[in-house]
Amino acid sequence: MFAGEHGDCAKKAGNEGKMACTASFASLDLTPDQKTKMDTAMTEHHKAGCTEATEAKFMKDAKGILTPEQFAKFKAECSKKEKAGA
């Protein structure tokens, strides 16, 4: 698993279909500081468990860490993966 990938988070929590975005951070051209913050947010999300509330908090955190352009790309990648059933 690489940064930005939640793996089988939804299955572990019994929330099929409610999985945090599995988009790769690699495509976002993150600064070292952004990467550290996103990795921390991802770790906290996993520790808290995969629920709708923790997913919303993760996305809110991501929005605060990423530039508007990066966040738009991140959300677009998330949408593509959700539609593909990832």
PDB file of N, CA and C in Angstrom:
ATOM      1  N   MET A   1       0.850  -1.177   0.000  1.00  0.00           N
ATOM      2  CA  MET A   1       0.000   0.000   0.000  1.00  0.00           C
ATOM      3  C   MET A   1       0.895   1.239   0.000  1.00  0.00           C
ATOM      4  N   PHE A   2       0.542   2.232  -0.784  1.00  0.00           N
ATOM      5  CA  PHE A   2       1.329   3.446  -0.831  1.00  0.00           C
ATOM      6  C   PHE A   2       0.488   4.606  -0.312  1.00  0.00           C
ATOM      7  N   ALA A   3       1.130   5.705  -0.041  1.00  0.00           N
ATOM      8  CA  ALA A   3       0.444   6.869   0.516  1.00  0.00           C
ATOM      9  C   ALA A   3      -0.749   7.250  -0.334  1.00  0.00           C
ATOM     10  N   GLY A   4      -1.865   7.445   0.319  1.00  0.00           N
ATOM     11  CA  GLY A   4      -3.065   7.841  -0.400  1.00  0.00           C
ATOM     12  C   GLY A   4      -3.964   6.678  -0.718  1.00  0.00           C
ATOM     13  N   GLU A   5      -3.595   5.493  -0.281  1.00  0.00           N
ATOM     14  CA  GLU A   5      -4.418   4.326  -0.581  1.00  0.00           C
ATOM     15  C   GLU A   5      -4.924   3.748   0.727  1.00  0.00           C
ATOM     16  N   HIS A   6      -6.212   3.570   0.826  1.00  0.00           N
ATOM     17  CA  HIS A   6      -6.810   3.093   2.052  1.00  0.00           C
ATOM     18  C   HIS A   6      -6.946   1.582   2.117  1.00  0.00           C
ATOM     19  N   GLY A   7      -6.662   0.875   1.060  1.00  0.00           N
ATOM     20  CA  GLY A   7      -6.774  -0.574   1.085  1.00  0.00           C
ATOM     21  C   GLY A   7      -8.203  -1.027   1.274  1.00  0.00           C
ATOM     22  N   ASP A   8      -8.396  -2.018   2.142  1.00  0.00           N
ATOM     23  CA  ASP A   8      -9.742  -2.560   2.347  1.00  0.00           C
ATOM     24  C   ASP A   8     -10.411  -1.965   3.578  1.00  0.00           C
ATOM     25  N   CYS A   9     -10.173  -0.702   3.808  1.00  0.00           N
ATOM     26  CA  CYS A   9     -10.697   0.024   4.953  1.00  0.00           C
ATOM     27  C   CYS A   9     -12.198  -0.185   5.129  1.00  0.00           C
ATOM     28  N   ALA A  10     -12.961  -0.070   4.072  1.00  0.00           N
ATOM     29  CA  ALA A  10     -14.417  -0.176   4.163  1.00  0.00           C
ATOM     30  C   ALA A  10     -14.843  -1.564   4.626  1.00  0.00           C
ATOM     31  N   LYS A  11     -14.191  -2.596   4.126  1.00  0.00           N
ATOM     32  CA  LYS A  11     -14.550  -3.955   4.496  1.00  0.00           C
ATOM     33  C   LYS A  11     -14.261  -4.220   5.960  1.00  0.00           C
ATOM     34  N   LYS A  12     -13.125  -3.724   6.453  1.00  0.00           N
ATOM     35  CA  LYS A  12     -12.756  -3.927   7.846  1.00  0.00           C
ATOM     36  C   LYS A  12     -13.785  -3.303   8.777  1.00  0.00           C
ATOM     37  N   ALA A  13     -14.326  -2.187   8.393  1.00  0.00           N
ATOM     38  CA  ALA A  13     -15.288  -1.482   9.234  1.00  0.00           C
ATOM     39  C   ALA A  13     -16.716  -1.915   8.941  1.00  0.00           C
ATOM     40  N   GLY A  14     -16.893  -2.795   7.982  1.00  0.00           N
ATOM     41  CA  GLY A  14     -18.241  -3.226   7.633  1.00  0.00           C
ATOM     42  C   GLY A  14     -19.024  -2.175   6.889  1.00  0.00           C
ATOM     43  N   ASN A  15     -18.323  -1.292   6.215  1.00  0.00           N
ATOM     44  CA  ASN A  15     -18.982  -0.195   5.503  1.00  0.00           C
ATOM     45  C   ASN A  15     -18.734  -0.293   4.012  1.00  0.00           C
ATOM     46  N   GLU A  16     -19.107  -1.403   3.397  1.00  0.00           N
ATOM     47  CA  GLU A  16     -18.892  -1.522   1.956  1.00  0.00           C
ATOM     48  C   GLU A  16     -19.492  -0.314   1.248  1.00  0.00           C
ATOM     49  N   GLY A  17     -18.738   0.240   0.343  1.00  0.00           N
ATOM     50  CA  GLY A  17     -19.222   1.390  -0.415  1.00  0.00           C
ATOM     51  C   GLY A  17     -18.917   2.720   0.243  1.00  0.00           C
ATOM     52  N   LYS A  18     -18.439   2.709   1.491  1.00  0.00           N
ATOM     53  CA  LYS A  18     -18.098   3.950   2.176  1.00  0.00           C
ATOM     54  C   LYS A  18     -16.619   3.927   2.518  1.00  0.00           C
ATOM     55  N   MET A  19     -15.798   3.915   1.489  1.00  0.00           N
ATOM     56  CA  MET A  19     -14.359   3.844   1.682  1.00  0.00           C
ATOM     57  C   MET A  19     -13.727   5.192   1.374  1.00  0.00           C
ATOM     58  N   ALA A  20     -12.744   5.515   2.169  1.00  0.00           N
ATOM     59  CA  ALA A  20     -12.014   6.750   1.905  1.00  0.00           C
ATOM     60  C   ALA A  20     -11.343   6.648   0.547  1.00  0.00           C
ATOM     61  N   CYS A  21     -11.093   7.785  -0.028  1.00  0.00           N
ATOM     62  CA  CYS A  21     -10.525   7.835  -1.365  1.00  0.00           C
ATOM     63  C   CYS A  21      -9.233   7.030  -1.464  1.00  0.00           C
ATOM     64  N   THR A  22      -9.090   6.295  -2.556  1.00  0.00           N
ATOM     65  CA  THR A  22      -7.893   5.498  -2.771  1.00  0.00           C
ATOM     66  C   THR A  22      -6.969   6.137  -3.806  1.00  0.00           C
ATOM     67  N   ALA A  23      -7.190   7.406  -4.111  1.00  0.00           N
ATOM     68  CA  ALA A  23      -6.334   8.096  -5.073  1.00  0.00           C
ATOM     69  C   ALA A  23      -4.915   8.199  -4.527  1.00  0.00           C
ATOM     70  N   SER A  24      -3.958   8.104  -5.395  1.00  0.00           N
ATOM     71  CA  SER A  24      -2.558   8.190  -5.006  1.00  0.00           C
ATOM     72  C   SER A  24      -2.151   9.638  -4.772  1.00  0.00           C
ATOM     73  N   PHE A  25      -1.414   9.867  -3.698  1.00  0.00           N
ATOM     74  CA  PHE A  25      -0.886  11.210  -3.448  1.00  0.00           C
ATOM     75  C   PHE A  25       0.213  11.534  -4.458  1.00  0.00           C
ATOM     76  N   ALA A  26       0.829  10.518  -5.045  1.00  0.00           N
ATOM     77  CA  ALA A  26       1.963  10.713  -5.952  1.00  0.00           C
ATOM     78  C   ALA A  26       1.611  11.629  -7.117  1.00  0.00           C
ATOM     79  N   SER A  27       0.391  11.542  -7.605  1.00  0.00           N
ATOM     80  CA  SER A  27      -0.002  12.339  -8.767  1.00  0.00           C
ATOM     81  C   SER A  27      -0.292  13.800  -8.420  1.00  0.00           C
ATOM     82  N   LEU A  28      -0.261  14.139  -7.141  1.00  0.00           N
ATOM     83  CA  LEU A  28      -0.613  15.498  -6.719  1.00  0.00           C
ATOM     84  C   LEU A  28       0.584  16.433  -6.611  1.00  0.00           C
ATOM     85  N   ASP A  29       1.793  15.920  -6.795  1.00  0.00           N
ATOM     86  CA  ASP A  29       2.996  16.737  -6.722  1.00  0.00           C
ATOM     87  C   ASP A  29       3.053  17.491  -5.393  1.00  0.00           C
ATOM     88  N   LEU A  30       2.980  16.736  -4.289  1.00  0.00           N
ATOM     89  CA  LEU A  30       2.972  17.325  -2.953  1.00  0.00           C
ATOM     90  C   LEU A  30       4.357  17.835  -2.562  1.00  0.00           C
ATOM     91  N   THR A  31       4.371  18.892  -1.756  1.00  0.00           N
ATOM     92  CA  THR A  31       5.614  19.338  -1.145  1.00  0.00           C
ATOM     93  C   THR A  31       5.930  18.344  -0.020  1.00  0.00           C
ATOM     94  N   PRO A  32       7.166  18.302   0.466  1.00  0.00           N
ATOM     95  CA  PRO A  32       7.477  17.401   1.591  1.00  0.00           C
ATOM     96  C   PRO A  32       6.570  17.661   2.799  1.00  0.00           C
ATOM     97  N   ASP A  33       6.272  18.920   3.079  1.00  0.00           N
ATOM     98  CA  ASP A  33       5.401  19.268   4.200  1.00  0.00           C
ATOM     99  C   ASP A  33       3.985  18.744   3.975  1.00  0.00           C
ATOM    100  N   GLN A  34       3.462  18.912   2.768  1.00  0.00           N
ATOM    101  CA  GLN A  34       2.118  18.414   2.455  1.00  0.00           C
ATOM    102  C   GLN A  34       2.066  16.895   2.576  1.00  0.00           C
ATOM    103  N   LYS A  35       3.096  16.224   2.086  1.00  0.00           N
ATOM    104  CA  LYS A  35       3.122  14.758   2.141  1.00  0.00           C
ATOM    105  C   LYS A  35       3.078  14.288   3.594  1.00  0.00           C
ATOM    106  N   THR A  36       3.882  14.926   4.456  1.00  0.00           N
ATOM    107  CA  THR A  36       3.900  14.572   5.871  1.00  0.00           C
ATOM    108  C   THR A  36       2.518  14.771   6.496  1.00  0.00           C
ATOM    109  N   LYS A  37       1.903  15.905   6.199  1.00  0.00           N
ATOM    110  CA  LYS A  37       0.581  16.204   6.760  1.00  0.00           C
ATOM    111  C   LYS A  37      -0.486  15.240   6.235  1.00  0.00           C
ATOM    112  N   MET A  38      -0.430  14.910   4.946  1.00  0.00           N
ATOM    113  CA  MET A  38      -1.405  13.972   4.377  1.00  0.00           C
ATOM    114  C   MET A  38      -1.206  12.575   4.951  1.00  0.00           C
ATOM    115  N   ASP A  39       0.047  12.160   5.123  1.00  0.00           N
ATOM    116  CA  ASP A  39       0.323  10.851   5.727  1.00  0.00           C
ATOM    117  C   ASP A  39      -0.210  10.807   7.157  1.00  0.00           C
ATOM    118  N   THR A  40      -0.022  11.895   7.897  1.00  0.00           N
ATOM    119  CA  THR A  40      -0.529  11.972   9.270  1.00  0.00           C
ATOM    120  C   THR A  40      -2.052  11.898   9.286  1.00  0.00           C
ATOM    121  N   ALA A  41      -2.701  12.632   8.394  1.00  0.00           N
ATOM    122  CA  ALA A  41      -4.162  12.620   8.314  1.00  0.00           C
ATOM    123  C   ALA A  41      -4.663  11.221   7.972  1.00  0.00           C
ATOM    124  N   MET A  42      -3.969  10.540   7.060  1.00  0.00           N
ATOM    125  CA  MET A  42      -4.343   9.183   6.669  1.00  0.00           C
ATOM    126  C   MET A  42      -4.200   8.227   7.847  1.00  0.00           C
ATOM    127  N   THR A  43      -3.100   8.337   8.588  1.00  0.00           N
ATOM    128  CA  THR A  43      -2.865   7.483   9.750  1.00  0.00           C
ATOM    129  C   THR A  43      -3.948   7.690  10.798  1.00  0.00           C
ATOM    130  N   GLU A  44      -4.277   8.946  11.076  1.00  0.00           N
ATOM    131  CA  GLU A  44      -5.331   9.255  12.045  1.00  0.00           C
ATOM    132  C   GLU A  44      -6.670   8.689  11.586  1.00  0.00           C
ATOM    133  N   HIS A  45      -6.935   8.775  10.292  1.00  0.00           N
ATOM    134  CA  HIS A  45      -8.181   8.257   9.731  1.00  0.00           C
ATOM    135  C   HIS A  45      -8.263   6.746   9.960  1.00  0.00           C
ATOM    136  N   HIS A  46      -7.185   6.043   9.695  1.00  0.00           N
ATOM    137  CA  HIS A  46      -7.162   4.590   9.883  1.00  0.00           C
ATOM    138  C   HIS A  46      -7.333   4.221  11.348  1.00  0.00           C
ATOM    139  N   LYS A  47      -6.667   4.947  12.253  1.00  0.00           N
ATOM    140  CA  LYS A  47      -6.763   4.663  13.686  1.00  0.00           C
ATOM    141  C   LYS A  47      -8.186   4.881  14.204  1.00  0.00           C
ATOM    142  N   ALA A  48      -8.850   5.902  13.680  1.00  0.00           N
ATOM    143  CA  ALA A  48     -10.191   6.247  14.138  1.00  0.00           C
ATOM    144  C   ALA A  48     -11.243   5.269  13.613  1.00  0.00           C
ATOM    145  N   GLY A  49     -10.906   4.514  12.587  1.00  0.00           N
ATOM    146  CA  GLY A  49     -11.876   3.604  11.983  1.00  0.00           C
ATOM    147  C   GLY A  49     -12.537   4.276  10.794  1.00  0.00           C
ATOM    148  N   CYS A  50     -13.049   3.457   9.930  1.00  0.00           N
ATOM    149  CA  CYS A  50     -13.633   3.965   8.684  1.00  0.00           C
ATOM    150  C   CYS A  50     -15.137   4.154   8.840  1.00  0.00           C
ATOM    151  N   THR A  51     -15.517   5.358   9.127  1.00  0.00           N
ATOM    152  CA  THR A  51     -16.930   5.708   9.235  1.00  0.00           C
ATOM    153  C   THR A  51     -17.182   6.927   8.361  1.00  0.00           C
ATOM    154  N   GLU A  52     -18.436   7.245   8.195  1.00  0.00           N
ATOM    155  CA  GLU A  52     -18.768   8.433   7.410  1.00  0.00           C
ATOM    156  C   GLU A  52     -18.159   9.686   8.048  1.00  0.00           C
ATOM    157  N   ALA A  53     -18.167   9.738   9.383  1.00  0.00           N
ATOM    158  CA  ALA A  53     -17.632  10.896  10.094  1.00  0.00           C
ATOM    159  C   ALA A  53     -16.124  11.013   9.927  1.00  0.00           C
ATOM    160  N   THR A  54     -15.399   9.887  10.041  1.00  0.00           N
ATOM    161  CA  THR A  54     -13.944   9.952   9.891  1.00  0.00           C
ATOM    162  C   THR A  54     -13.557  10.237   8.448  1.00  0.00           C
ATOM    163  N   GLU A  55     -14.370   9.755   7.523  1.00  0.00           N
ATOM    164  CA  GLU A  55     -14.124  10.044   6.107  1.00  0.00           C
ATOM    165  C   GLU A  55     -14.295  11.543   5.842  1.00  0.00           C
ATOM    166  N   ALA A  56     -15.344  12.124   6.411  1.00  0.00           N
ATOM    167  CA  ALA A  56     -15.589  13.557   6.233  1.00  0.00           C
ATOM    168  C   ALA A  56     -14.451  14.370   6.850  1.00  0.00           C
ATOM    169  N   LYS A  57     -13.961  13.951   8.025  1.00  0.00           N
ATOM    170  CA  LYS A  57     -12.854  14.654   8.669  1.00  0.00           C
ATOM    171  C   LYS A  57     -11.592  14.542   7.810  1.00  0.00           C
ATOM    172  N   PHE A  58     -11.320  13.361   7.264  1.00  0.00           N
ATOM    173  CA  PHE A  58     -10.144  13.189   6.419  1.00  0.00           C
ATOM    174  C   PHE A  58     -10.211  14.121   5.207  1.00  0.00           C
ATOM    175  N   MET A  59     -11.358  14.190   4.565  1.00  0.00           N
ATOM    176  CA  MET A  59     -11.492  15.050   3.382  1.00  0.00           C
ATOM    177  C   MET A  59     -11.361  16.521   3.770  1.00  0.00           C
ATOM    178  N   LYS A  60     -11.879  16.883   4.953  1.00  0.00           N
ATOM    179  CA  LYS A  60     -11.742  18.268   5.420  1.00  0.00           C
ATOM    180  C   LYS A  60     -10.265  18.586   5.688  1.00  0.00           C
ATOM    181  N   ASP A  61      -9.576  17.633   6.323  1.00  0.00           N
ATOM    182  CA  ASP A  61      -8.144  17.820   6.576  1.00  0.00           C
ATOM    183  C   ASP A  61      -7.387  17.963   5.264  1.00  0.00           C
ATOM    184  N   ALA A  62      -7.707  17.083   4.298  1.00  0.00           N
ATOM    185  CA  ALA A  62      -7.034  17.128   2.993  1.00  0.00           C
ATOM    186  C   ALA A  62      -7.256  18.479   2.327  1.00  0.00           C
ATOM    187  N   LYS A  63      -8.470  18.999   2.428  1.00  0.00           N
ATOM    188  CA  LYS A  63      -8.775  20.291   1.808  1.00  0.00           C
ATOM    189  C   LYS A  63      -7.928  21.405   2.424  1.00  0.00           C
ATOM    190  N   GLY A  64      -7.645  21.300   3.724  1.00  0.00           N
ATOM    191  CA  GLY A  64      -6.831  22.303   4.401  1.00  0.00           C
ATOM    192  C   GLY A  64      -5.344  22.176   4.113  1.00  0.00           C
ATOM    193  N   ILE A  65      -4.910  20.990   3.703  1.00  0.00           N
ATOM    194  CA  ILE A  65      -3.492  20.732   3.441  1.00  0.00           C
ATOM    195  C   ILE A  65      -3.135  21.026   1.988  1.00  0.00           C
ATOM    196  N   LEU A  66      -3.990  20.618   1.086  1.00  0.00           N
ATOM    197  CA  LEU A  66      -3.715  20.730  -0.346  1.00  0.00           C
ATOM    198  C   LEU A  66      -4.076  22.113  -0.886  1.00  0.00           C
ATOM    199  N   THR A  67      -3.468  22.478  -1.992  1.00  0.00           N
ATOM    200  CA  THR A  67      -3.875  23.703  -2.682  1.00  0.00           C
ATOM    201  C   THR A  67      -5.247  23.435  -3.306  1.00  0.00           C
ATOM    202  N   PRO A  68      -5.984  24.476  -3.678  1.00  0.00           N
ATOM    203  CA  PRO A  68      -7.281  24.242  -4.327  1.00  0.00           C
ATOM    204  C   PRO A  68      -7.158  23.356  -5.565  1.00  0.00           C
ATOM    205  N   GLU A  69      -6.091  23.537  -6.338  1.00  0.00           N
ATOM    206  CA  GLU A  69      -5.896  22.736  -7.544  1.00  0.00           C
ATOM    207  C   GLU A  69      -5.629  21.269  -7.197  1.00  0.00           C
ATOM    208  N   GLN A  70      -4.777  21.054  -6.186  1.00  0.00           N
ATOM    209  CA  GLN A  70      -4.469  19.684  -5.766  1.00  0.00           C
ATOM    210  C   GLN A  70      -5.722  18.998  -5.211  1.00  0.00           C
ATOM    211  N   PHE A  71      -6.499  19.726  -4.406  1.00  0.00           N
ATOM    212  CA  PHE A  71      -7.696  19.135  -3.820  1.00  0.00           C
ATOM    213  C   PHE A  71      -8.711  18.783  -4.901  1.00  0.00           C
ATOM    214  N   ALA A  72      -8.846  19.649  -5.897  1.00  0.00           N
ATOM    215  CA  ALA A  72      -9.768  19.369  -7.005  1.00  0.00           C
ATOM    216  C   ALA A  72      -9.337  18.097  -7.733  1.00  0.00           C
ATOM    217  N   LYS A  73      -8.049  17.955  -7.963  1.00  0.00           N
ATOM    218  CA  LYS A  73      -7.529  16.759  -8.637  1.00  0.00           C
ATOM    219  C   LYS A  73      -7.741  15.523  -7.764  1.00  0.00           C
ATOM    220  N   PHE A  74      -7.483  15.654  -6.471  1.00  0.00           N
ATOM    221  CA  PHE A  74      -7.673  14.564  -5.512  1.00  0.00           C
ATOM    222  C   PHE A  74      -9.132  14.102  -5.526  1.00  0.00           C
ATOM    223  N   LYS A  75     -10.058  15.058  -5.439  1.00  0.00           N
ATOM    224  CA  LYS A  75     -11.488  14.710  -5.451  1.00  0.00           C
ATOM    225  C   LYS A  75     -11.895  14.078  -6.779  1.00  0.00           C
ATOM    226  N   ALA A  76     -11.357  14.581  -7.883  1.00  0.00           N
ATOM    227  CA  ALA A  76     -11.683  14.019  -9.195  1.00  0.00           C
ATOM    228  C   ALA A  76     -11.207  12.571  -9.285  1.00  0.00           C
ATOM    229  N   GLU A  77     -10.004  12.300  -8.780  1.00  0.00           N
ATOM    230  CA  GLU A  77      -9.487  10.933  -8.789  1.00  0.00           C
ATOM    231  C   GLU A  77     -10.332  10.034  -7.888  1.00  0.00           C
ATOM    232  N   CYS A  78     -10.762  10.578  -6.764  1.00  0.00           N
ATOM    233  CA  CYS A  78     -11.627   9.806  -5.857  1.00  0.00           C
ATOM    234  C   CYS A  78     -12.929   9.433  -6.553  1.00  0.00           C
ATOM    235  N   SER A  79     -13.510  10.397  -7.247  1.00  0.00           N
ATOM    236  CA  SER A  79     -14.772  10.156  -7.951  1.00  0.00           C
ATOM    237  C   SER A  79     -14.626   9.089  -9.014  1.00  0.00           C
ATOM    238  N   LYS A  80     -13.510   9.127  -9.748  1.00  0.00           N
ATOM    239  CA  LYS A  80     -13.265   8.120 -10.787  1.00  0.00           C
ATOM    240  C   LYS A  80     -13.176   6.734 -10.170  1.00  0.00           C
ATOM    241  N   LYS A  81     -12.467   6.624  -9.055  1.00  0.00           N
ATOM    242  CA  LYS A  81     -12.299   5.319  -8.407  1.00  0.00           C
ATOM    243  C   LYS A  81     -13.618   4.823  -7.836  1.00  0.00           C
ATOM    244  N   GLU A  82     -14.440   5.715  -7.274  1.00  0.00           N
ATOM    245  CA  GLU A  82     -15.737   5.309  -6.730  1.00  0.00           C
ATOM    246  C   GLU A  82     -16.632   4.783  -7.840  1.00  0.00           C
ATOM    247  N   LYS A  83     -16.646   5.470  -8.976  1.00  0.00           N
ATOM    248  CA  LYS A  83     -17.471   5.038 -10.117  1.00  0.00           C
ATOM    249  C   LYS A  83     -16.992   3.717 -10.676  1.00  0.00           C
ATOM    250  N   ALA A  84     -15.679   3.473 -10.596  1.00  0.00           N
ATOM    251  CA  ALA A  84     -15.113   2.220 -11.103  1.00  0.00           C
ATOM    252  C   ALA A  84     -15.307   1.081 -10.113  1.00  0.00           C
ATOM    253  N   GLY A  85     -15.789   1.422  -8.916  1.00  0.00           N
ATOM    254  CA  GLY A  85     -16.015   0.405  -7.898  1.00  0.00           C
ATOM    255  C   GLY A  85     -14.788   0.027  -7.118  1.00  0.00           C
ATOM    256  N   ALA A  86     -13.821   0.927  -7.074  1.00  0.00           N
ATOM    257  CA  ALA A  86     -12.574   0.661  -6.354  1.00  0.00           C
ATOM    258  C   ALA A  86     -12.768   0.793  -4.862  1.00  0.00           C
TER     259      ALA A  86
END
